[in-house]
Protein backbone atom coordinates (compact mmCIF):
# COMPACT_ATOMS: atom_id res chain seq x y z
CA UNK A 1 57.18 102.27 38.62
CA UNK A 2 54.60 104.57 37.02
CA UNK A 3 53.92 104.26 33.29
CA UNK A 4 55.13 107.82 32.57
CA UNK A 5 58.44 106.94 34.25
CA UNK A 6 58.79 103.48 32.72
CA UNK A 7 58.33 104.38 29.04
CA UNK A 8 61.30 106.78 28.83
CA UNK A 9 63.37 104.43 31.00
CA UNK A 10 62.55 101.54 28.66
CA UNK A 11 63.70 103.64 25.67
CA UNK A 12 66.94 104.45 27.47
CA UNK A 13 67.40 100.77 28.26
CA UNK A 14 67.06 99.94 24.56
CA UNK A 15 69.66 102.58 23.66
CA UNK A 16 72.13 101.36 26.28
CA UNK A 17 71.53 97.75 25.25
CA UNK A 18 72.30 98.56 21.60
CA UNK A 19 75.45 100.52 22.45
CA UNK A 20 76.79 97.91 24.86
CA UNK A 21 75.90 95.12 22.42
CA UNK A 22 77.97 96.94 19.79
CA UNK A 23 80.84 97.12 22.25
CA UNK A 24 80.40 93.54 23.42
CA UNK A 25 80.35 91.90 20.00
CA UNK A 26 83.96 92.99 19.55
CA UNK A 27 85.15 90.69 22.38
CA UNK A 28 85.20 87.33 20.54
CA UNK A 29 85.85 88.77 17.07
CA UNK A 30 88.53 91.44 17.43
CA UNK A 31 91.51 89.07 17.87
CA UNK A 32 90.59 87.30 14.63
CA UNK A 33 89.64 90.54 12.89
CA UNK A 34 92.98 92.26 13.49
CA UNK A 35 94.84 89.05 12.61
CA UNK A 36 93.39 89.38 9.13
CA UNK A 37 95.22 92.73 8.89
CA UNK A 38 98.47 91.28 10.25
CA UNK A 39 98.26 93.21 13.52
CA UNK A 40 100.15 92.29 16.70
CA UNK A 41 98.80 91.71 20.21
CA UNK A 42 100.09 95.16 21.19
CA UNK A 43 97.98 96.75 18.45
CA UNK A 44 95.03 94.70 19.64
CA UNK A 45 95.46 96.15 23.11
CA UNK A 46 95.71 99.65 21.69
CA UNK A 47 92.49 99.16 19.72
CA UNK A 48 90.74 98.27 22.97
CA UNK A 49 92.35 101.12 24.91
CA UNK A 50 91.78 103.89 22.34
CA UNK A 51 88.00 103.42 22.59
CA UNK A 52 88.03 104.03 26.34
CA UNK A 53 90.56 106.85 26.01
CA UNK A 54 88.21 108.80 23.74
CA UNK A 55 85.44 108.24 26.27
CA UNK A 56 87.73 109.59 28.95
CA UNK A 57 88.46 112.75 26.96
CA UNK A 58 84.95 113.54 25.78
CA UNK A 59 82.46 112.24 28.36
CA UNK A 60 82.66 115.40 30.54
CA UNK A 61 82.17 117.57 27.44
CA UNK A 62 79.05 115.64 26.46
CA UNK A 63 77.86 115.72 30.07
CA UNK A 64 78.07 119.51 30.21
CA UNK A 65 76.36 119.80 26.84
CA UNK A 66 73.50 117.66 28.12
CA UNK A 67 73.07 120.12 31.00
CA UNK A 68 73.00 122.99 28.50
CA UNK A 69 70.99 121.57 25.59
CA UNK A 70 69.09 118.68 27.17
CA UNK A 71 69.49 114.92 27.39
CA UNK A 72 67.56 113.90 24.26
CA UNK A 73 69.75 115.63 21.61
CA UNK A 74 72.92 114.18 23.09
CA UNK A 75 71.46 110.68 23.19
CA UNK A 76 70.39 110.90 19.53
CA UNK A 77 73.75 112.32 18.38
CA UNK A 78 75.57 109.59 20.26
CA UNK A 79 73.47 106.83 18.67
CA UNK A 80 73.98 108.11 15.10
CA UNK A 81 77.69 108.70 15.59
CA UNK A 82 78.18 105.24 17.05
CA UNK A 83 76.30 103.74 14.10
CA UNK A 84 78.67 105.45 11.66
CA UNK A 85 81.67 104.07 13.54
CA UNK A 86 80.29 100.52 13.30
CA UNK A 87 79.80 100.87 9.54
CA UNK A 88 83.41 102.04 9.12
CA UNK A 89 84.61 98.97 11.04
CA UNK A 90 82.51 96.68 8.86
CA UNK A 91 83.93 98.08 5.61
CA UNK A 92 87.52 98.56 6.84
CA UNK A 93 90.21 97.60 4.36
CA UNK A 94 93.24 98.63 6.43
CA UNK A 95 94.30 98.77 10.05
CA UNK A 96 94.06 102.57 10.26
CA UNK A 97 90.35 102.32 9.48
CA UNK A 98 89.89 100.04 12.50
CA UNK A 99 91.55 102.67 14.68
CA UNK A 100 89.38 105.41 13.13
CA UNK A 101 86.27 103.36 13.86
CA UNK A 102 87.26 102.76 17.47
CA UNK A 103 88.07 106.46 17.96
CA UNK A 104 84.67 107.52 16.61
CA UNK A 105 82.84 104.81 18.54
CA UNK A 106 84.45 105.93 21.79
CA UNK A 107 83.83 109.60 21.00
CA UNK A 108 80.12 109.30 20.25
CA UNK A 109 79.44 106.40 22.60
CA UNK A 110 80.61 108.58 25.48
CA UNK A 111 77.72 111.00 24.80
CA UNK A 112 75.07 108.46 25.68
CA UNK A 113 75.96 107.10 29.12
CA UNK A 114 76.22 110.41 31.06
CA UNK A 115 73.11 111.76 29.33
CA UNK A 116 71.15 108.58 30.07
CA UNK A 117 72.23 108.51 33.73
CA UNK A 118 71.39 112.20 34.11
CA UNK A 119 68.02 111.49 32.46
CA UNK A 120 67.26 108.87 35.11
CA UNK A 121 68.29 111.35 37.82
CA UNK A 122 66.00 113.99 36.32
CA UNK A 123 62.97 111.70 36.28
CA UNK A 124 63.29 109.77 39.56
CA UNK A 125 63.15 110.55 43.26
CA UNK A 126 66.11 109.82 45.53
CA UNK A 127 64.24 106.79 46.88
CA UNK A 128 63.62 105.35 43.39
CA UNK A 129 66.96 106.31 41.87
CA UNK A 130 68.67 103.06 42.84
CA UNK A 131 65.95 101.13 41.02
CA UNK A 132 66.27 103.32 37.92
CA UNK A 133 70.05 103.01 37.82
CA UNK A 134 69.71 99.28 38.33
CA UNK A 135 67.37 98.92 35.36
CA UNK A 136 69.74 100.97 33.20
CA UNK A 137 72.66 98.88 34.40
CA UNK A 138 70.73 95.69 33.62
CA UNK A 139 70.28 96.79 30.00
CA UNK A 140 73.97 97.66 29.77
CA UNK A 141 75.05 94.33 31.22
CA UNK A 142 72.68 92.41 28.99
CA UNK A 143 74.00 94.26 25.94
CA UNK A 144 77.67 93.76 26.77
CA UNK A 145 77.16 90.02 27.15
CA UNK A 146 74.60 89.39 24.42
CA UNK A 147 76.99 91.22 22.10
CA UNK A 148 79.65 88.47 22.08
CA UNK A 149 76.98 85.86 21.36
CA UNK A 150 75.58 87.92 18.50
CA UNK A 151 79.08 88.64 17.26
CA UNK A 152 80.18 85.00 17.40
CA UNK A 153 77.03 83.84 15.61
CA UNK A 154 77.01 86.50 12.87
CA UNK A 155 80.76 86.08 12.33
CA UNK A 156 79.94 82.67 10.86
CA UNK A 157 78.57 84.65 7.88
CA UNK A 158 81.50 87.06 7.72
CA UNK A 159 83.62 89.04 10.16
CA UNK A 160 81.98 92.26 8.93
CA UNK A 161 78.37 91.13 9.45
CA UNK A 162 78.22 91.74 13.24
CA UNK A 163 79.31 95.37 12.78
CA UNK A 164 76.76 95.96 10.01
CA UNK A 165 74.08 94.62 12.35
CA UNK A 166 75.24 96.88 15.21
CA UNK A 167 75.30 99.93 12.93
CA UNK A 168 71.77 99.32 11.69
CA UNK A 169 70.48 98.71 15.25
CA UNK A 170 72.08 101.94 16.52
CA UNK A 171 70.60 103.90 13.59
CA UNK A 172 67.09 102.59 14.28
CA UNK A 173 67.42 103.28 18.03
CA UNK A 174 68.62 106.81 17.30
CA UNK A 175 65.64 107.52 15.06
CA UNK A 176 63.19 106.16 17.63
CA UNK A 177 64.82 108.22 20.38
CA UNK A 178 64.58 111.36 18.28
CA UNK A 179 60.90 110.79 17.57
CA UNK A 180 59.59 109.28 20.82
CA UNK A 181 61.86 110.02 23.79
CA UNK A 182 60.61 113.06 25.77
CA UNK A 183 63.11 115.60 27.07
CA UNK A 184 63.68 115.30 30.82
CA UNK A 185 65.30 118.69 31.41
CA UNK A 186 63.02 121.72 31.18
CA UNK A 187 64.05 124.84 29.26
CA UNK A 188 64.20 126.85 32.49
CA UNK A 189 66.44 124.28 34.11
CA UNK A 190 68.73 124.17 31.07
CA UNK A 191 69.05 127.95 31.13
CA UNK A 192 69.83 127.89 34.85
CA UNK A 193 72.50 125.21 34.43
CA UNK A 194 73.98 126.88 31.35
CA UNK A 195 74.68 130.04 33.36
CA UNK A 196 76.77 128.09 35.85
CA UNK A 197 78.57 125.76 33.42
CA UNK A 198 82.22 125.10 34.25
CA UNK A 199 84.41 125.71 31.17
CA UNK A 200 87.73 124.95 32.85
CA UNK A 201 90.17 122.31 31.65
CA UNK A 202 88.92 118.74 32.05
CA UNK A 203 91.88 117.73 34.19
CA UNK A 204 91.28 120.72 36.44
CA UNK A 205 87.64 119.66 36.73
CA UNK A 206 88.70 116.13 37.61
CA UNK A 207 91.06 117.46 40.27
CA UNK A 208 88.33 119.64 41.73
CA UNK A 209 85.90 116.72 41.59
CA UNK A 210 88.35 114.58 43.56
CA UNK A 211 88.24 117.18 46.34
CA UNK A 212 84.43 117.30 46.29
CA UNK A 213 82.04 115.03 48.25
CA UNK A 214 82.02 112.57 45.31
CA UNK A 215 85.83 112.49 45.04
CA UNK A 216 86.40 109.11 46.66
CA UNK A 217 83.53 107.56 44.72
CA UNK A 218 85.09 108.71 41.44
CA UNK A 219 88.36 107.06 42.48
CA UNK A 220 86.32 103.97 43.29
CA UNK A 221 84.85 104.06 39.77
CA UNK A 222 88.38 104.25 38.35
CA UNK A 223 89.50 101.31 40.47
CA UNK A 224 86.57 99.03 39.72
CA UNK A 225 86.78 99.72 35.97
CA UNK A 226 90.55 99.08 36.11
CA UNK A 227 89.87 95.75 37.78
CA UNK A 228 87.07 94.79 35.39
CA UNK A 229 89.22 95.64 32.36
CA UNK A 230 91.69 92.99 33.49
CA UNK A 231 88.91 90.48 32.84
CA UNK A 232 87.32 91.93 29.72
CA UNK A 233 90.57 92.52 27.83
CA UNK A 234 92.02 89.05 28.10
CA UNK A 235 89.06 86.71 28.62
CA UNK A 236 88.92 85.71 24.95
CA UNK A 237 92.68 85.17 24.80
CA UNK A 238 92.66 83.33 28.13
CA UNK A 239 89.89 81.01 26.94
CA UNK A 240 91.80 80.35 23.73
CA UNK A 241 95.18 79.70 25.35
CA UNK A 242 93.93 77.76 28.39
CA UNK A 243 91.04 75.78 26.91
CA UNK A 244 91.24 76.23 23.13
CA UNK A 245 87.75 77.76 22.96
CA UNK A 246 86.43 79.26 19.72
CA UNK A 247 84.79 82.72 19.41
CA UNK A 248 81.34 81.09 19.47
CA UNK A 249 82.15 79.26 22.72
CA UNK A 250 83.46 82.48 24.30
CA UNK A 251 80.32 84.25 23.14
CA UNK A 252 78.09 81.55 24.64
CA UNK A 253 79.80 81.85 28.03
CA UNK A 254 79.49 85.63 28.01
CA UNK A 255 75.81 85.49 27.09
CA UNK A 256 74.98 82.96 29.80
CA UNK A 257 76.75 84.72 32.65
CA UNK A 258 75.55 88.09 31.40
CA UNK A 259 71.92 87.06 31.68
CA UNK A 260 72.57 86.28 35.34
CA UNK A 261 74.23 89.67 35.78
CA UNK A 262 71.36 91.48 34.08
CA UNK A 263 68.81 89.72 36.25
CA UNK A 264 70.81 90.71 39.31
CA UNK A 265 70.91 94.36 38.26
CA UNK A 266 67.29 94.56 37.21
CA UNK A 267 65.84 92.57 40.09
CA UNK A 268 68.31 92.81 42.97
CA UNK A 269 70.10 96.15 43.03
CA UNK A 270 67.07 98.27 43.85
CA UNK A 271 65.83 95.87 46.51
CA UNK A 272 69.26 95.38 48.07
CA UNK A 273 70.03 99.11 48.27
CA UNK A 274 66.60 99.85 49.72
CA UNK A 275 66.96 97.13 52.34
CA UNK A 276 70.65 97.28 53.27
CA UNK A 277 71.77 100.69 52.00
CA UNK A 278 74.14 101.62 49.18
CA UNK A 279 77.28 101.37 51.32
CA UNK A 280 76.76 97.78 52.47
CA UNK A 281 75.81 96.68 48.98
CA UNK A 282 78.98 98.21 47.51
CA UNK A 283 81.20 96.52 50.13
CA UNK A 284 79.56 93.12 49.60
CA UNK A 285 79.87 93.46 45.80
CA UNK A 286 83.57 94.36 46.05
CA UNK A 287 84.18 91.29 48.20
CA UNK A 288 82.26 89.02 45.81
CA UNK A 289 84.11 90.45 42.78
CA UNK A 290 87.49 89.84 44.40
CA UNK A 291 86.53 86.26 45.25
CA UNK A 292 85.24 85.87 41.69
CA UNK A 293 88.64 86.68 40.22
CA UNK A 294 90.29 84.05 42.41
CA UNK A 295 87.85 81.23 41.69
CA UNK A 296 88.02 81.92 37.93
CA UNK A 297 91.68 80.89 38.03
CA UNK A 298 90.60 77.54 39.52
CA UNK A 299 88.26 76.61 36.64
CA UNK A 300 89.26 73.44 34.78
CA UNK A 301 86.45 72.71 32.28
CA UNK A 302 83.53 74.34 30.46
CA UNK A 303 81.10 74.03 33.39
CA UNK A 304 83.49 75.40 36.01
CA UNK A 305 84.42 78.29 33.70
CA UNK A 306 80.73 79.22 33.50
CA UNK A 307 80.11 78.85 37.25
CA UNK A 308 83.17 80.82 38.37
CA UNK A 309 82.60 83.56 35.80
CA UNK A 310 78.99 83.84 37.03
CA UNK A 311 80.26 84.49 40.56
CA UNK A 312 82.49 87.28 39.28
CA UNK A 313 79.78 88.82 37.11
CA UNK A 314 77.25 88.75 39.94
CA UNK A 315 79.50 90.92 42.10
CA UNK A 316 80.30 93.39 39.31
CA UNK A 317 76.69 93.58 38.13
CA UNK A 318 75.58 94.76 41.57
CA UNK A 319 78.61 96.99 42.13
CA UNK A 320 78.35 99.49 39.28
CA UNK A 321 74.74 100.70 39.68
CA UNK A 322 75.15 100.83 43.47
CA UNK A 323 78.18 103.12 43.13
CA UNK A 324 76.41 105.21 40.47
CA UNK A 325 73.47 105.66 42.83
CA UNK A 326 75.78 106.92 45.59
CA UNK A 327 77.40 109.37 43.17
CA UNK A 328 74.03 110.60 41.94
CA UNK A 329 72.84 111.30 45.49
CA UNK A 330 75.93 113.42 46.20
CA UNK A 331 76.00 115.19 42.81
CA UNK A 332 73.27 117.73 43.54
CA UNK A 333 71.91 119.57 40.50
CA UNK A 334 75.00 119.01 38.31
CA UNK A 335 73.94 115.51 37.34
CA UNK A 336 75.10 115.76 33.70
CA UNK A 337 78.55 117.13 34.54
CA UNK A 338 79.18 114.72 37.42
CA UNK A 339 77.99 111.72 35.42
CA UNK A 340 80.28 112.85 32.60
CA UNK A 341 83.21 112.95 35.02
CA UNK A 342 82.06 109.58 36.34
CA UNK A 343 82.30 108.19 32.82
CA UNK A 344 85.75 109.76 32.40
CA UNK A 345 87.14 108.05 35.49
CA UNK A 346 85.52 104.80 34.35
CA UNK A 347 87.06 105.14 30.88
CA UNK A 348 90.48 106.04 32.26
CA UNK A 349 90.32 102.91 34.41
CA UNK A 350 89.44 100.88 31.32
CA UNK A 351 92.42 102.31 29.44
CA UNK A 352 94.85 101.56 32.27
CA UNK A 353 93.33 98.14 32.92
CA UNK A 354 93.45 97.11 29.26
CA UNK A 355 97.10 98.13 28.89
CA UNK A 356 98.15 96.44 32.14
CA UNK A 357 96.20 93.28 31.32
CA UNK A 358 97.76 93.02 27.88
CA UNK A 359 101.23 93.52 29.34
CA UNK A 360 101.02 91.07 32.25
CA UNK A 361 99.22 88.44 30.16
CA UNK A 362 102.41 88.07 28.17
CA UNK A 363 104.22 87.22 31.41
CA UNK A 364 101.62 84.85 32.82
CA UNK A 365 98.01 84.26 31.74
CA UNK A 366 96.81 84.25 35.37
CA UNK A 367 98.34 87.62 36.28
CA UNK A 368 95.47 89.80 34.97
CA UNK A 369 93.03 87.94 37.24
CA UNK A 370 95.43 88.27 40.17
CA UNK A 371 95.72 92.01 39.56
CA UNK A 372 91.92 92.24 39.37
CA UNK A 373 91.43 90.39 42.66
CA UNK A 374 94.02 92.53 44.45
CA UNK A 375 92.38 95.69 43.10
CA UNK A 376 88.94 94.72 44.43
CA UNK A 377 90.24 93.84 47.90
CA UNK A 378 92.22 97.10 48.13
CA UNK A 379 89.13 99.06 47.05
CA UNK A 380 87.08 97.28 49.70
CA UNK A 381 89.51 98.29 52.43
CA UNK A 382 89.67 101.88 51.16
CA UNK A 383 85.86 102.08 51.04
CA UNK A 384 85.57 100.89 54.64
CA UNK A 385 88.06 103.58 55.70
CA UNK A 386 86.24 106.31 53.72
CA UNK A 387 82.85 105.34 55.13
CA UNK A 388 84.20 105.38 58.69
CA UNK A 389 85.68 108.87 58.22
CA UNK A 390 82.44 110.09 56.62
CA UNK A 391 80.40 108.69 59.48
CA UNK A 392 82.70 110.34 62.02
CA UNK A 393 82.30 113.73 60.31
CA UNK A 394 78.52 113.36 60.28
CA UNK A 395 78.55 112.46 63.98
CA UNK A 396 80.62 115.57 64.81
CA UNK A 397 78.27 117.81 62.82
CA UNK A 398 75.19 116.39 64.52
CA UNK A 399 76.65 117.10 67.95
CA UNK A 400 77.72 120.69 67.16
């Protein structure tokens, strides 16, 4: 990758790492944090879900604004807003302040991902887009899994310390982005996109998007995020109930398997998609993710927990950027809007997955993993059917 392409991408990777680290550090701490406020497991699930719900509501809005005003302002606003939310969490004295923090974090955090993905689309060719998305995904994966380790370690000082650290990191990243990151969308292009902006209701946009060429892929994003949420929501509770692990042990596992996932995204996704094509990579990743859910239920000690979780993370780490690349290639010029809708379907899947996981975990601790495995296998079958129909249509067009 050329230097002029790598420097902005590296800055975006730092931003996504910081945001996902801030999200990830909640995983081992939140159950203990809310316990200090006398909250129930239902309220814990709501705290997790409300973050994704705000992303669902606002990501398309931010995406359209990035088409109108550029990627850089939205990225900076998102970083500063997320920092403020982390500071509120750190200094919270009541449960309502935790909910306020999560609402603000979801609101401003949702500005960054669609703008960053659209930025990559602006600056890369179709051939190099898979590599760019993979690098961005690697930073996100590394952040989401380093976060629990950082959170577990800093929580030894106090439960508030991890959130102070995340707030300071997001503030610094926002300032650097404002000063250094070049704008990827020219003024002429912004003016052109602003004239064609869609101001209709978000749900109408989502319905129209489902009938567009990217419609199935957006449903796929919803499904894979629903499945992944069944892991993310209950992993800490599962590790505590099944093995009696502490937050630091949960954090260590997440860091270790996350490094493997980040390496896979940064070093494998681009090469795999270039060699085998996006479609085959997505199908293989869905299969591996489904198998990963099953083998995680067979783990019986610390080593097997790590190994089986690595298998699951490997599949998911390859899956997301590969699907994002397919969406980007079909999105045309409306990269910001489509990536915003992409983030909305992802967030809606997270909301549904978190609520379902919290509910079925009360019935049986293995049920969330079973639901996740079933989801991945169903998505694999649906993807095979969609690809076959798409191929048939292309064959008919080529013969006409």
